[in-house]
Amino acid sequence: MLSLLLNLPLESSTWNTAPFNGLVFDVTAGGPLSFAAYSIDPATTMTGFTAPRVGLGANQLTIDWNGLTYVDGTKVVVDFTAAPIPEPETYAMLALGLGMFGAVGAARRRRAA
């Protein structure tokens, strides 16, 4: 979950209209982001903040509140679902399957020769 609480109102409580106006989080270490999905949490109080305002790439997360308004205490809450990580047994079964496939192919080649 990413929770942002806006406590300091600007002179104007509307974010300026621009191609992008918000936050950018870049992964600088530790590998790519491993989120399968995200959703806007019902605790979000910023009117008009919807799922398309969240950008999720392999190495970057963006939150765009372009043109939206807020008041002191406005919340933006995004829930993330982690991508499933295969267990070691899955890799072992895959290796076994590939080995069996290779053995069958070798036996067919020997029989054909």
C-alpha atoms as a PDB file:
ATOM      1  CA  MET A   1       0.000   0.000   0.000  1.00  0.00           C
ATOM      2  CA  LEU A   2       1.186   3.496  -0.808  1.00  0.00           C
ATOM      3  CA  SER A   3      -0.527   6.167   1.266  1.00  0.00           C
ATOM      4  CA  LEU A   4      -0.014   9.885   0.601  1.00  0.00           C
ATOM      5  CA  LEU A   5      -1.445  12.511   2.937  1.00  0.00           C
ATOM      6  CA  LEU A   6      -1.521  16.098   1.634  1.00  0.00           C
ATOM      7  CA  ASN A   7      -1.126  18.390   4.635  1.00  0.00           C
ATOM      8  CA  LEU A   8       0.181  21.598   3.151  1.00  0.00           C
ATOM      9  CA  PRO A   9      -2.212  23.446   0.845  1.00  0.00           C
ATOM     10  CA  LEU A  10      -0.610  25.502  -1.888  1.00  0.00           C
ATOM     11  CA  GLU A  11      -1.768  28.999  -2.835  1.00  0.00           C
ATOM     12  CA  SER A  12      -4.151  27.284  -5.223  1.00  0.00           C
ATOM     13  CA  SER A  13      -5.585  23.941  -4.196  1.00  0.00           C
ATOM     14  CA  THR A  14      -5.778  22.745  -7.820  1.00  0.00           C
ATOM     15  CA  TRP A  15      -2.797  21.016  -9.357  1.00  0.00           C
ATOM     16  CA  ASN A  16      -1.807  22.801 -12.542  1.00  0.00           C
ATOM     17  CA  THR A  17      -2.884  21.328 -15.862  1.00  0.00           C
ATOM     18  CA  ALA A  18       0.121  19.783 -17.602  1.00  0.00           C
ATOM     19  CA  PRO A  19       0.859  16.567 -19.479  1.00  0.00           C
ATOM     20  CA  PHE A  20       2.000  15.152 -16.105  1.00  0.00           C
ATOM     21  CA  ASN A  21       1.784  16.728 -12.662  1.00  0.00           C
ATOM     22  CA  GLY A  22       2.540  14.412  -9.781  1.00  0.00           C
ATOM     23  CA  LEU A  23       5.089  12.108  -8.223  1.00  0.00           C
ATOM     24  CA  VAL A  24       7.605   9.777  -9.854  1.00  0.00           C
ATOM     25  CA  PHE A  25       9.211   6.939  -7.896  1.00  0.00           C
ATOM     26  CA  ASP A  26      12.212   5.315  -9.627  1.00  0.00           C
ATOM     27  CA  VAL A  27      13.766   2.001  -8.616  1.00  0.00           C
ATOM     28  CA  THR A  28      17.448   2.718  -8.091  1.00  0.00           C
ATOM     29  CA  ALA A  29      18.493  -0.623  -6.561  1.00  0.00           C
ATOM     30  CA  GLY A  30      17.092  -4.043  -5.878  1.00  0.00           C
ATOM     31  CA  GLY A  31      15.675  -4.972  -9.263  1.00  0.00           C
ATOM     32  CA  PRO A  32      12.389  -4.290 -11.023  1.00  0.00           C
ATOM     33  CA  LEU A  33       9.066  -3.665  -9.317  1.00  0.00           C
ATOM     34  CA  SER A  34       7.136  -6.886  -8.892  1.00  0.00           C
ATOM     35  CA  PHE A  35       3.529  -5.757  -8.726  1.00  0.00           C
ATOM     36  CA  ALA A  36       0.887  -7.752 -10.590  1.00  0.00           C
ATOM     37  CA  ALA A  37      -1.885  -5.195 -10.128  1.00  0.00           C
ATOM     38  CA  TYR A  38      -3.019  -2.144  -8.190  1.00  0.00           C
ATOM     39  CA  SER A  39      -6.271  -0.517  -7.175  1.00  0.00           C
ATOM     40  CA  ILE A  40      -7.389   2.741  -5.625  1.00  0.00           C
ATOM     41  CA  ASP A  41      -8.219   2.171  -1.967  1.00  0.00           C
ATOM     42  CA  PRO A  42     -11.634   3.403  -0.738  1.00  0.00           C
ATOM     43  CA  ALA A  43      -9.763   5.519   1.842  1.00  0.00           C
ATOM     44  CA  THR A  44      -8.744   7.856  -1.014  1.00  0.00           C
ATOM     45  CA  THR A  45     -10.434  11.240  -0.578  1.00  0.00           C
ATOM     46  CA  MET A  46      -9.064  13.070  -3.643  1.00  0.00           C
ATOM     47  CA  THR A  47     -12.076  13.495  -5.909  1.00  0.00           C
ATOM     48  CA  GLY A  48     -11.368  12.302  -9.443  1.00  0.00           C
ATOM     49  CA  PHE A  49      -8.307  10.240  -8.547  1.00  0.00           C
ATOM     50  CA  THR A  50      -8.806   6.990 -10.465  1.00  0.00           C
ATOM     51  CA  ALA A  51      -6.705   3.978 -11.485  1.00  0.00           C
ATOM     52  CA  PRO A  52      -5.552   5.449 -14.848  1.00  0.00           C
ATOM     53  CA  ARG A  53      -3.717   8.138 -12.855  1.00  0.00           C
ATOM     54  CA  VAL A  54      -1.290   5.475 -11.590  1.00  0.00           C
ATOM     55  CA  GLY A  55       1.493   4.376 -13.910  1.00  0.00           C
ATOM     56  CA  LEU A  56       3.300   1.157 -13.150  1.00  0.00           C
ATOM     57  CA  GLY A  57       6.384   0.109 -15.101  1.00  0.00           C
ATOM     58  CA  ALA A  58       9.220  -2.302 -14.411  1.00  0.00           C
ATOM     59  CA  ASN A  59      11.364   0.380 -12.773  1.00  0.00           C
ATOM     60  CA  GLN A  60       9.005   3.294 -12.154  1.00  0.00           C
ATOM     61  CA  LEU A  61       5.790   4.167 -10.338  1.00  0.00           C
ATOM     62  CA  THR A  62       3.982   7.419 -11.168  1.00  0.00           C
ATOM     63  CA  ILE A  63       1.084   9.154  -9.422  1.00  0.00           C
ATOM     64  CA  ASP A  64      -0.556  11.864 -11.566  1.00  0.00           C
ATOM     65  CA  TRP A  65      -3.003  14.318 -10.004  1.00  0.00           C
ATOM     66  CA  ASN A  66      -2.963  16.703 -12.947  1.00  0.00           C
ATOM     67  CA  GLY A  67      -5.868  19.184 -12.707  1.00  0.00           C
ATOM     68  CA  LEU A  68      -7.358  17.696  -9.509  1.00  0.00           C
ATOM     69  CA  THR A  69      -8.127  19.729  -6.406  1.00  0.00           C
ATOM     70  CA  TYR A  70      -7.418  18.968  -2.774  1.00  0.00           C
ATOM     71  CA  VAL A  71      -7.854  20.337   0.733  1.00  0.00           C
ATOM     72  CA  ASP A  72      -5.673  19.962   3.796  1.00  0.00           C
ATOM     73  CA  GLY A  73      -5.786  16.294   4.818  1.00  0.00           C
ATOM     74  CA  THR A  74      -6.664  14.861   1.383  1.00  0.00           C
ATOM     75  CA  LYS A  75      -5.588  11.216   1.067  1.00  0.00           C
ATOM     76  CA  VAL A  76      -4.410   9.234  -1.933  1.00  0.00           C
ATOM     77  CA  VAL A  77      -4.129   5.515  -1.143  1.00  0.00           C
ATOM     78  CA  VAL A  78      -3.091   2.908  -3.717  1.00  0.00           C
ATOM     79  CA  ASP A  79      -3.132  -0.827  -2.925  1.00  0.00           C
ATOM     80  CA  PHE A  80      -0.694  -3.120  -4.742  1.00  0.00           C
ATOM     81  CA  THR A  81      -0.841  -6.859  -5.368  1.00  0.00           C
ATOM     82  CA  ALA A  82       2.555  -8.516  -5.507  1.00  0.00           C
ATOM     83  CA  ALA A  83       3.387 -10.631  -8.520  1.00  0.00           C
ATOM     84  CA  PRO A  84       3.562 -14.313  -7.652  1.00  0.00           C
ATOM     85  CA  ILE A  85       7.083 -15.604  -7.176  1.00  0.00           C
ATOM     86  CA  PRO A  86       7.553 -19.216  -8.276  1.00  0.00           C
ATOM     87  CA  GLU A  87       8.674 -21.539  -5.510  1.00  0.00           C
ATOM     88  CA  PRO A  88      11.898 -23.567  -5.958  1.00  0.00           C
ATOM     89  CA  GLU A  89       9.806 -26.703  -6.539  1.00  0.00           C
ATOM     90  CA  THR A  90       8.336 -25.077  -9.654  1.00  0.00           C
ATOM     91  CA  TYR A  91      11.809 -24.528 -11.090  1.00  0.00           C
ATOM     92  CA  ALA A  92      12.782 -28.130 -10.233  1.00  0.00           C
ATOM     93  CA  MET A  93       9.703 -29.492 -12.034  1.00  0.00           C
ATOM     94  CA  LEU A  94      10.467 -27.307 -15.053  1.00  0.00           C
ATOM     95  CA  ALA A  95      14.067 -28.569 -15.169  1.00  0.00           C
ATOM     96  CA  LEU A  96      12.865 -32.183 -14.837  1.00  0.00           C
ATOM     97  CA  GLY A  97      10.344 -31.692 -17.657  1.00  0.00           C
ATOM     98  CA  LEU A  98      12.971 -30.158 -19.945  1.00  0.00           C
ATOM     99  CA  GLY A  99      15.388 -32.997 -19.141  1.00  0.00           C
ATOM    100  CA  MET A 100      12.772 -35.622 -19.968  1.00  0.00           C
ATOM    101  CA  PHE A 101      11.938 -33.819 -23.219  1.00  0.00           C
ATOM    102  CA  GLY A 102      15.641 -33.828 -24.147  1.00  0.00           C
ATOM    103  CA  ALA A 103      15.995 -37.534 -23.309  1.00  0.00           C
ATOM    104  CA  VAL A 104      13.006 -38.447 -25.495  1.00  0.00           C
ATOM    105  CA  GLY A 105      14.469 -36.405 -28.362  1.00  0.00           C
ATOM    106  CA  ALA A 106      17.868 -38.109 -28.003  1.00  0.00           C
ATOM    107  CA  ALA A 107      16.261 -41.575 -27.967  1.00  0.00           C
ATOM    108  CA  ARG A 108      14.283 -40.787 -31.140  1.00  0.00           C
ATOM    109  CA  ARG A 109      17.462 -39.617 -32.878  1.00  0.00           C
ATOM    110  CA  ARG A 110      19.306 -42.802 -31.907  1.00  0.00           C
ATOM    111  CA  ARG A 111      16.420 -44.984 -33.098  1.00  0.00           C
ATOM    112  CA  ALA A 112      16.184 -43.120 -36.426  1.00  0.00           C
ATOM    113  CA  ALA A 113      19.935 -43.551 -37.107  1.00  0.00           C
END
